[in-house]
Amino acid sequence: MLLKSVEYKDFRCFKGNLKIDLTCDSDKNIIVILGDNTHGKSTIVQSFAWCFYGLPNFQNPEIYNRSIAETLPIYGKTIPSVEVVFEHEHVQYTARRSQEFVRANDGRIIGQPAKFNMTFVEPESGQTKPCGTLPNELAKAINSI
C-alpha cells in the first residue's frame, strides 16, 4: 500500500479542512513527521486506524475538534472526518470515515454512528466505483488490502 494523501475535517486537533500530501519519490519512499508536542503527530498516525477500522485508539476518545464543539448551539452539529487516498497493486482507493455529533438540549455532545465508505478507480475505464455498500463488504475489501 502506498499512501498518497490524508485529509481531515474538524478531526481532533485539526480545525477546518487540512489535506496532507503523502506522495514521495519512488526512490525515497519514507515519510517523516516532525512537530512540537501536542501538535498532532500521534493523531495523524492513529487517524488511519480510525479511518480504516473505526478504532478510536486515543487516550481521550473524542473524535471532534473541541473548540468547534464548545461553540455549538443547541442542536448544532459537527461532522469530523478522515479521508485517506492510497494505492494498492496499481489501483487507487479512497477510504473515508465520518461521524456526526450534535449538541443536545441539555448541553451534552452526542455522537451518531460513524459512516464508512471506500471507492476505487477502475484502471481500464477510469471510473470511480464503490468497494461495497454493506459493512461486511467494506470490511472484506479493506482487510484484503
N, C-alpha and C. Protein backbone atom coordinates (compact mmCIF):
# COMPACT_ATOMS: atom_id res chain seq x y z
N MET A 1 0.86 -1.17 0.00
CA MET A 1 0.00 0.00 0.00
C MET A 1 0.91 1.24 0.00
N LEU A 2 0.60 2.15 -0.91
CA LEU A 2 1.31 3.42 -0.95
C LEU A 2 0.33 4.53 -0.59
N LEU A 3 0.63 5.24 0.46
CA LEU A 3 -0.22 6.35 0.88
C LEU A 3 -0.01 7.54 -0.04
N LYS A 4 -1.10 8.18 -0.44
CA LYS A 4 -1.00 9.35 -1.31
C LYS A 4 -1.37 10.63 -0.58
N SER A 5 -2.45 10.60 0.21
CA SER A 5 -2.84 11.79 0.96
C SER A 5 -3.78 11.39 2.09
N VAL A 6 -3.86 12.27 3.06
CA VAL A 6 -4.84 12.14 4.14
C VAL A 6 -5.45 13.53 4.32
N GLU A 7 -6.77 13.55 4.48
CA GLU A 7 -7.47 14.82 4.62
C GLU A 7 -8.33 14.76 5.87
N TYR A 8 -8.26 15.83 6.65
CA TYR A 8 -9.02 15.94 7.90
C TYR A 8 -10.02 17.07 7.80
N LYS A 9 -11.17 16.86 8.41
CA LYS A 9 -12.14 17.94 8.56
C LYS A 9 -12.57 17.94 10.02
N ASP A 10 -12.23 18.98 10.76
CA ASP A 10 -12.62 19.15 12.16
C ASP A 10 -12.36 17.89 13.00
N PHE A 11 -11.27 17.22 12.72
CA PHE A 11 -10.92 15.98 13.41
C PHE A 11 -9.90 16.26 14.51
N ARG A 12 -10.32 16.05 15.75
CA ARG A 12 -9.48 16.23 16.93
C ARG A 12 -8.77 17.59 16.91
N CYS A 13 -7.45 17.65 16.83
CA CYS A 13 -6.75 18.94 16.91
C CYS A 13 -6.76 19.70 15.60
N PHE A 14 -7.27 19.10 14.52
CA PHE A 14 -7.28 19.75 13.22
C PHE A 14 -8.63 20.43 12.99
N LYS A 15 -8.61 21.75 12.96
CA LYS A 15 -9.83 22.54 12.79
C LYS A 15 -9.95 22.97 11.33
N GLY A 16 -11.13 22.82 10.76
CA GLY A 16 -11.32 23.14 9.35
C GLY A 16 -10.85 21.97 8.50
N ASN A 17 -10.52 22.28 7.25
CA ASN A 17 -10.03 21.26 6.33
C ASN A 17 -8.51 21.32 6.24
N LEU A 18 -7.89 20.16 6.33
CA LEU A 18 -6.43 20.07 6.21
C LEU A 18 -6.12 18.85 5.36
N LYS A 19 -5.43 19.06 4.26
CA LYS A 19 -5.01 17.94 3.42
C LYS A 19 -3.49 17.84 3.46
N ILE A 20 -3.00 16.64 3.72
CA ILE A 20 -1.56 16.39 3.78
C ILE A 20 -1.19 15.49 2.61
N ASP A 21 -0.32 15.97 1.76
CA ASP A 21 0.16 15.20 0.62
C ASP A 21 1.24 14.24 1.12
N LEU A 22 1.04 12.95 0.89
CA LEU A 22 1.99 11.95 1.37
C LEU A 22 2.77 11.30 0.25
N THR A 23 2.60 11.78 -0.97
CA THR A 23 3.34 11.20 -2.08
C THR A 23 4.80 11.53 -1.93
N CYS A 24 5.62 10.63 -2.40
CA CYS A 24 7.06 10.85 -2.29
C CYS A 24 7.75 10.23 -3.49
N ASP A 25 9.01 10.51 -3.62
CA ASP A 25 9.84 9.97 -4.69
C ASP A 25 9.89 8.45 -4.56
N SER A 26 9.75 7.74 -5.66
CA SER A 26 9.74 6.27 -5.60
C SER A 26 11.07 5.70 -5.10
N ASP A 27 12.15 6.47 -5.23
CA ASP A 27 13.45 6.02 -4.71
C ASP A 27 13.62 6.32 -3.22
N LYS A 28 12.83 7.25 -2.71
CA LYS A 28 12.94 7.66 -1.31
C LYS A 28 11.54 7.63 -0.71
N ASN A 29 11.03 6.44 -0.52
CA ASN A 29 9.64 6.30 -0.08
C ASN A 29 9.50 6.26 1.44
N ILE A 30 10.00 7.31 2.08
CA ILE A 30 9.90 7.45 3.53
C ILE A 30 9.25 8.79 3.84
N ILE A 31 8.32 8.77 4.77
CA ILE A 31 7.65 10.00 5.20
C ILE A 31 8.06 10.26 6.64
N VAL A 32 8.54 11.45 6.92
CA VAL A 32 8.94 11.84 8.27
C VAL A 32 7.98 12.93 8.74
N ILE A 33 7.44 12.75 9.93
CA ILE A 33 6.52 13.73 10.50
C ILE A 33 7.20 14.36 11.71
N LEU A 34 7.43 15.66 11.63
CA LEU A 34 8.07 16.39 12.71
C LEU A 34 7.11 17.44 13.25
N GLY A 35 7.20 17.71 14.53
CA GLY A 35 6.37 18.75 15.12
C GLY A 35 6.53 18.79 16.62
N ASP A 36 6.10 19.90 17.21
CA ASP A 36 6.15 20.04 18.65
C ASP A 36 5.16 19.09 19.31
N ASN A 37 5.37 18.87 20.61
CA ASN A 37 4.43 18.05 21.37
C ASN A 37 3.04 18.66 21.32
N THR A 38 2.04 17.83 21.31
CA THR A 38 0.61 18.17 21.30
C THR A 38 0.18 18.92 20.03
N HIS A 39 0.87 18.70 18.92
CA HIS A 39 0.50 19.37 17.67
C HIS A 39 -0.01 18.40 16.61
N GLY A 40 -0.28 17.13 16.97
CA GLY A 40 -0.99 16.25 16.06
C GLY A 40 -0.23 15.11 15.41
N LYS A 41 1.03 14.90 15.77
CA LYS A 41 1.78 13.80 15.14
C LYS A 41 1.15 12.45 15.43
N SER A 42 0.83 12.17 16.67
CA SER A 42 0.19 10.90 17.02
C SER A 42 -1.22 10.81 16.43
N THR A 43 -1.91 11.93 16.39
CA THR A 43 -3.25 11.96 15.80
C THR A 43 -3.20 11.54 14.34
N ILE A 44 -2.19 11.98 13.61
CA ILE A 44 -2.06 11.60 12.21
C ILE A 44 -1.93 10.08 12.10
N VAL A 45 -1.04 9.50 12.87
CA VAL A 45 -0.83 8.05 12.81
C VAL A 45 -2.08 7.30 13.25
N GLN A 46 -2.68 7.70 14.36
CA GLN A 46 -3.84 7.00 14.88
C GLN A 46 -5.09 7.21 14.03
N SER A 47 -5.12 8.27 13.24
CA SER A 47 -6.29 8.52 12.39
C SER A 47 -6.46 7.44 11.34
N PHE A 48 -5.39 6.78 10.95
CA PHE A 48 -5.51 5.70 9.97
C PHE A 48 -6.31 4.53 10.55
N ALA A 49 -6.05 4.18 11.81
CA ALA A 49 -6.82 3.10 12.45
C ALA A 49 -8.29 3.47 12.56
N TRP A 50 -8.57 4.74 12.85
CA TRP A 50 -9.97 5.16 12.94
C TRP A 50 -10.62 5.14 11.55
N CYS A 51 -9.93 5.67 10.56
CA CYS A 51 -10.49 5.72 9.21
C CYS A 51 -10.75 4.31 8.67
N PHE A 52 -9.76 3.45 8.72
CA PHE A 52 -9.89 2.12 8.13
C PHE A 52 -10.75 1.16 8.95
N TYR A 53 -10.64 1.21 10.26
CA TYR A 53 -11.27 0.19 11.11
C TYR A 53 -12.26 0.72 12.14
N GLY A 54 -12.37 2.02 12.28
CA GLY A 54 -13.29 2.59 13.27
C GLY A 54 -12.77 2.51 14.68
N LEU A 55 -11.47 2.35 14.84
CA LEU A 55 -10.86 2.21 16.17
C LEU A 55 -10.37 3.57 16.67
N PRO A 56 -11.07 4.16 17.65
CA PRO A 56 -10.57 5.43 18.22
C PRO A 56 -9.51 5.14 19.26
N ASN A 57 -8.29 4.90 18.81
CA ASN A 57 -7.20 4.49 19.67
C ASN A 57 -6.51 5.72 20.30
N PHE A 58 -7.32 6.51 21.03
CA PHE A 58 -6.82 7.72 21.66
C PHE A 58 -7.08 7.63 23.15
N GLN A 59 -6.23 8.27 23.97
CA GLN A 59 -6.49 8.31 25.41
C GLN A 59 -7.83 9.00 25.67
N ASN A 60 -8.09 10.07 24.96
CA ASN A 60 -9.36 10.77 25.03
C ASN A 60 -10.11 10.42 23.74
N PRO A 61 -11.20 9.66 23.82
CA PRO A 61 -11.84 9.13 22.61
C PRO A 61 -12.63 10.14 21.78
N GLU A 62 -12.62 11.42 22.15
CA GLU A 62 -13.36 12.42 21.36
C GLU A 62 -12.75 12.53 19.97
N ILE A 63 -13.58 12.41 18.96
CA ILE A 63 -13.14 12.49 17.57
C ILE A 63 -13.24 13.93 17.07
N TYR A 64 -14.20 14.68 17.60
CA TYR A 64 -14.45 16.04 17.13
C TYR A 64 -13.43 17.03 17.68
N ASN A 65 -13.33 18.17 17.00
CA ASN A 65 -12.47 19.26 17.45
C ASN A 65 -13.15 19.95 18.62
N ARG A 66 -12.47 20.03 19.74
CA ARG A 66 -13.07 20.59 20.97
C ARG A 66 -13.49 22.04 20.83
N SER A 67 -12.66 22.86 20.17
CA SER A 67 -13.02 24.28 20.07
C SER A 67 -14.28 24.48 19.24
N ILE A 68 -14.50 23.64 18.25
CA ILE A 68 -15.74 23.71 17.48
C ILE A 68 -16.90 23.24 18.33
N ALA A 69 -16.72 22.14 19.05
CA ALA A 69 -17.79 21.59 19.89
C ALA A 69 -18.22 22.58 20.97
N GLU A 70 -17.25 23.32 21.53
CA GLU A 70 -17.57 24.28 22.59
C GLU A 70 -18.48 25.41 22.10
N THR A 71 -18.43 25.71 20.82
CA THR A 71 -19.23 26.82 20.28
C THR A 71 -20.53 26.36 19.62
N LEU A 72 -20.80 25.07 19.64
CA LEU A 72 -22.03 24.58 19.01
C LEU A 72 -23.25 25.05 19.77
N PRO A 73 -24.24 25.58 19.07
CA PRO A 73 -25.51 25.91 19.73
C PRO A 73 -26.31 24.62 19.98
N ILE A 74 -27.37 24.72 20.75
CA ILE A 74 -28.26 23.57 20.95
C ILE A 74 -28.73 23.09 19.57
N TYR A 75 -28.65 21.80 19.35
CA TYR A 75 -28.98 21.12 18.10
C TYR A 75 -28.00 21.44 16.96
N GLY A 76 -26.93 22.16 17.27
CA GLY A 76 -25.88 22.38 16.28
C GLY A 76 -25.08 21.10 16.10
N LYS A 77 -24.45 20.96 14.95
CA LYS A 77 -23.71 19.72 14.71
C LYS A 77 -22.35 19.99 14.09
N THR A 78 -21.47 19.02 14.25
CA THR A 78 -20.18 19.00 13.60
C THR A 78 -19.98 17.58 13.08
N ILE A 79 -19.34 17.47 11.93
CA ILE A 79 -19.13 16.16 11.31
C ILE A 79 -17.65 15.99 10.98
N PRO A 80 -16.85 15.58 11.96
CA PRO A 80 -15.44 15.35 11.68
C PRO A 80 -15.26 14.15 10.75
N SER A 81 -14.18 14.21 9.95
CA SER A 81 -13.93 13.10 9.02
C SER A 81 -12.44 12.97 8.75
N VAL A 82 -12.09 11.76 8.29
CA VAL A 82 -10.74 11.46 7.81
C VAL A 82 -10.91 10.75 6.48
N GLU A 83 -10.16 11.22 5.49
CA GLU A 83 -10.18 10.59 4.16
C GLU A 83 -8.75 10.25 3.77
N VAL A 84 -8.53 8.99 3.41
CA VAL A 84 -7.20 8.53 3.03
C VAL A 84 -7.25 8.05 1.58
N VAL A 85 -6.35 8.59 0.76
CA VAL A 85 -6.20 8.14 -0.61
C VAL A 85 -4.92 7.33 -0.66
N PHE A 86 -5.02 6.12 -1.21
CA PHE A 86 -3.86 5.24 -1.28
C PHE A 86 -3.91 4.39 -2.54
N GLU A 87 -2.78 3.77 -2.84
CA GLU A 87 -2.69 2.90 -4.00
C GLU A 87 -2.28 1.51 -3.54
N HIS A 88 -2.92 0.51 -4.13
CA HIS A 88 -2.58 -0.88 -3.82
C HIS A 88 -2.64 -1.66 -5.13
N GLU A 89 -1.54 -2.30 -5.46
CA GLU A 89 -1.43 -3.08 -6.70
C GLU A 89 -1.89 -2.27 -7.91
N HIS A 90 -1.42 -1.03 -7.99
CA HIS A 90 -1.67 -0.11 -9.11
C HIS A 90 -3.13 0.32 -9.24
N VAL A 91 -3.90 0.19 -8.18
CA VAL A 91 -5.29 0.66 -8.16
C VAL A 91 -5.39 1.71 -7.06
N GLN A 92 -6.01 2.85 -7.39
CA GLN A 92 -6.19 3.92 -6.39
C GLN A 92 -7.50 3.73 -5.65
N TYR A 93 -7.42 3.86 -4.31
CA TYR A 93 -8.57 3.73 -3.42
C TYR A 93 -8.73 5.02 -2.62
N THR A 94 -9.95 5.28 -2.19
CA THR A 94 -10.23 6.36 -1.26
C THR A 94 -11.10 5.80 -0.15
N ALA A 95 -10.62 5.88 1.09
CA ALA A 95 -11.38 5.43 2.26
C ALA A 95 -11.76 6.67 3.06
N ARG A 96 -13.01 6.72 3.50
CA ARG A 96 -13.47 7.90 4.24
C ARG A 96 -14.37 7.47 5.39
N ARG A 97 -14.07 7.98 6.58
CA ARG A 97 -14.92 7.75 7.75
C ARG A 97 -15.30 9.11 8.32
N SER A 98 -16.57 9.24 8.66
CA SER A 98 -17.07 10.48 9.27
C SER A 98 -18.03 10.12 10.39
N GLN A 99 -18.23 11.06 11.29
CA GLN A 99 -19.15 10.83 12.40
C GLN A 99 -19.79 12.15 12.78
N GLU A 100 -21.11 12.15 12.87
CA GLU A 100 -21.85 13.36 13.23
C GLU A 100 -22.02 13.45 14.73
N PHE A 101 -21.81 14.67 15.26
CA PHE A 101 -22.02 14.96 16.67
C PHE A 101 -22.97 16.14 16.77
N VAL A 102 -23.93 16.04 17.69
CA VAL A 102 -24.95 17.08 17.86
C VAL A 102 -24.98 17.50 19.33
N ARG A 103 -25.15 18.81 19.56
CA ARG A 103 -25.32 19.29 20.94
C ARG A 103 -26.79 19.13 21.31
N ALA A 104 -27.03 18.33 22.34
CA ALA A 104 -28.39 18.07 22.81
C ALA A 104 -28.90 19.28 23.61
N ASN A 105 -30.19 19.31 23.87
CA ASN A 105 -30.76 20.46 24.60
C ASN A 105 -30.26 20.55 26.04
N ASP A 106 -29.67 19.47 26.57
CA ASP A 106 -29.09 19.53 27.91
C ASP A 106 -27.60 19.90 27.88
N GLY A 107 -27.07 20.21 26.66
CA GLY A 107 -25.69 20.65 26.53
C GLY A 107 -24.69 19.56 26.19
N ARG A 108 -25.07 18.31 26.33
CA ARG A 108 -24.14 17.21 26.01
C ARG A 108 -23.91 17.11 24.50
N ILE A 109 -22.72 16.63 24.12
CA ILE A 109 -22.41 16.35 22.72
C ILE A 109 -22.66 14.86 22.51
N ILE A 110 -23.57 14.56 21.60
CA ILE A 110 -23.98 13.17 21.37
C ILE A 110 -23.55 12.75 19.97
N GLY A 111 -22.84 11.62 19.90
CA GLY A 111 -22.36 11.11 18.62
C GLY A 111 -23.32 10.12 17.99
N GLN A 112 -23.46 10.22 16.70
CA GLN A 112 -24.21 9.25 15.91
C GLN A 112 -23.23 8.16 15.48
N PRO A 113 -23.72 7.03 14.99
CA PRO A 113 -22.79 6.01 14.49
C PRO A 113 -21.94 6.56 13.34
N ALA A 114 -20.70 6.15 13.32
CA ALA A 114 -19.78 6.60 12.25
C ALA A 114 -20.19 5.97 10.93
N LYS A 115 -19.87 6.67 9.85
CA LYS A 115 -20.14 6.18 8.49
C LYS A 115 -18.81 5.96 7.79
N PHE A 116 -18.72 4.83 7.07
CA PHE A 116 -17.50 4.48 6.35
C PHE A 116 -17.86 4.16 4.90
N ASN A 117 -17.06 4.66 3.98
CA ASN A 117 -17.20 4.23 2.60
C ASN A 117 -15.82 4.16 1.96
N MET A 118 -15.73 3.35 0.93
CA MET A 118 -14.47 3.18 0.24
C MET A 118 -14.76 2.98 -1.25
N THR A 119 -13.98 3.67 -2.07
CA THR A 119 -14.12 3.55 -3.51
C THR A 119 -12.78 3.22 -4.13
N PHE A 120 -12.83 2.79 -5.39
CA PHE A 120 -11.60 2.56 -6.15
C PHE A 120 -11.81 3.09 -7.55
N VAL A 121 -10.70 3.40 -8.21
CA VAL A 121 -10.74 3.85 -9.59
C VAL A 121 -10.41 2.65 -10.46
N GLU A 122 -11.37 2.25 -11.28
CA GLU A 122 -11.18 1.10 -12.16
C GLU A 122 -10.11 1.46 -13.20
N PRO A 123 -9.03 0.69 -13.26
CA PRO A 123 -7.91 1.06 -14.15
C PRO A 123 -8.29 1.16 -15.63
N GLU A 124 -9.13 0.25 -16.10
CA GLU A 124 -9.45 0.24 -17.53
C GLU A 124 -10.29 1.44 -17.95
N SER A 125 -11.32 1.74 -17.16
CA SER A 125 -12.27 2.79 -17.56
C SER A 125 -12.00 4.14 -16.90
N GLY A 126 -11.27 4.14 -15.78
CA GLY A 126 -11.05 5.37 -15.03
C GLY A 126 -12.24 5.78 -14.19
N GLN A 127 -13.27 4.94 -14.13
CA GLN A 127 -14.47 5.24 -13.36
C GLN A 127 -14.25 4.92 -11.88
N THR A 128 -14.85 5.76 -11.02
CA THR A 128 -14.80 5.52 -9.59
C THR A 128 -15.99 4.65 -9.21
N LYS A 129 -15.70 3.57 -8.49
CA LYS A 129 -16.74 2.61 -8.11
C LYS A 129 -16.63 2.29 -6.63
N PRO A 130 -17.77 1.95 -5.99
CA PRO A 130 -17.72 1.59 -4.57
C PRO A 130 -17.10 0.20 -4.38
N CYS A 131 -16.42 0.03 -3.26
CA CYS A 131 -15.86 -1.28 -2.90
C CYS A 131 -16.90 -2.16 -2.23
N GLY A 132 -18.07 -1.62 -2.02
CA GLY A 132 -19.18 -2.32 -1.38
C GLY A 132 -20.06 -1.30 -0.72
N THR A 133 -21.21 -1.76 -0.27
CA THR A 133 -22.13 -0.86 0.43
C THR A 133 -22.45 -1.36 1.83
N LEU A 134 -22.45 -2.65 2.01
CA LEU A 134 -22.73 -3.23 3.32
C LEU A 134 -21.47 -3.27 4.17
N PRO A 135 -21.62 -3.15 5.49
CA PRO A 135 -20.43 -3.16 6.36
C PRO A 135 -19.52 -4.36 6.16
N ASN A 136 -20.08 -5.55 5.97
CA ASN A 136 -19.23 -6.73 5.79
C ASN A 136 -18.48 -6.69 4.45
N GLU A 137 -19.09 -6.09 3.42
CA GLU A 137 -18.40 -5.96 2.12
C GLU A 137 -17.22 -4.99 2.24
N LEU A 138 -17.46 -3.88 2.95
CA LEU A 138 -16.39 -2.88 3.12
C LEU A 138 -15.27 -3.43 3.99
N ALA A 139 -15.62 -4.16 5.05
CA ALA A 139 -14.59 -4.77 5.91
C ALA A 139 -13.77 -5.78 5.14
N LYS A 140 -14.41 -6.57 4.30
CA LYS A 140 -13.70 -7.55 3.49
C LYS A 140 -12.74 -6.85 2.52
N ALA A 141 -13.21 -5.74 1.91
CA ALA A 141 -12.36 -5.00 0.96
C ALA A 141 -11.14 -4.44 1.65
N ILE A 142 -11.33 -3.78 2.80
CA ILE A 142 -10.19 -3.15 3.48
C ILE A 142 -9.24 -4.22 4.05
N ASN A 143 -9.79 -5.32 4.55
CA ASN A 143 -8.94 -6.38 5.09
C ASN A 143 -8.18 -7.13 4.03
N SER A 144 -8.68 -7.15 2.80
CA SER A 144 -7.97 -7.83 1.71
C SER A 144 -6.75 -7.04 1.26
N ILE A 145 -6.76 -5.75 1.57
CA ILE A 145 -5.61 -4.90 1.20
C ILE A 145 -4.59 -4.95 2.32
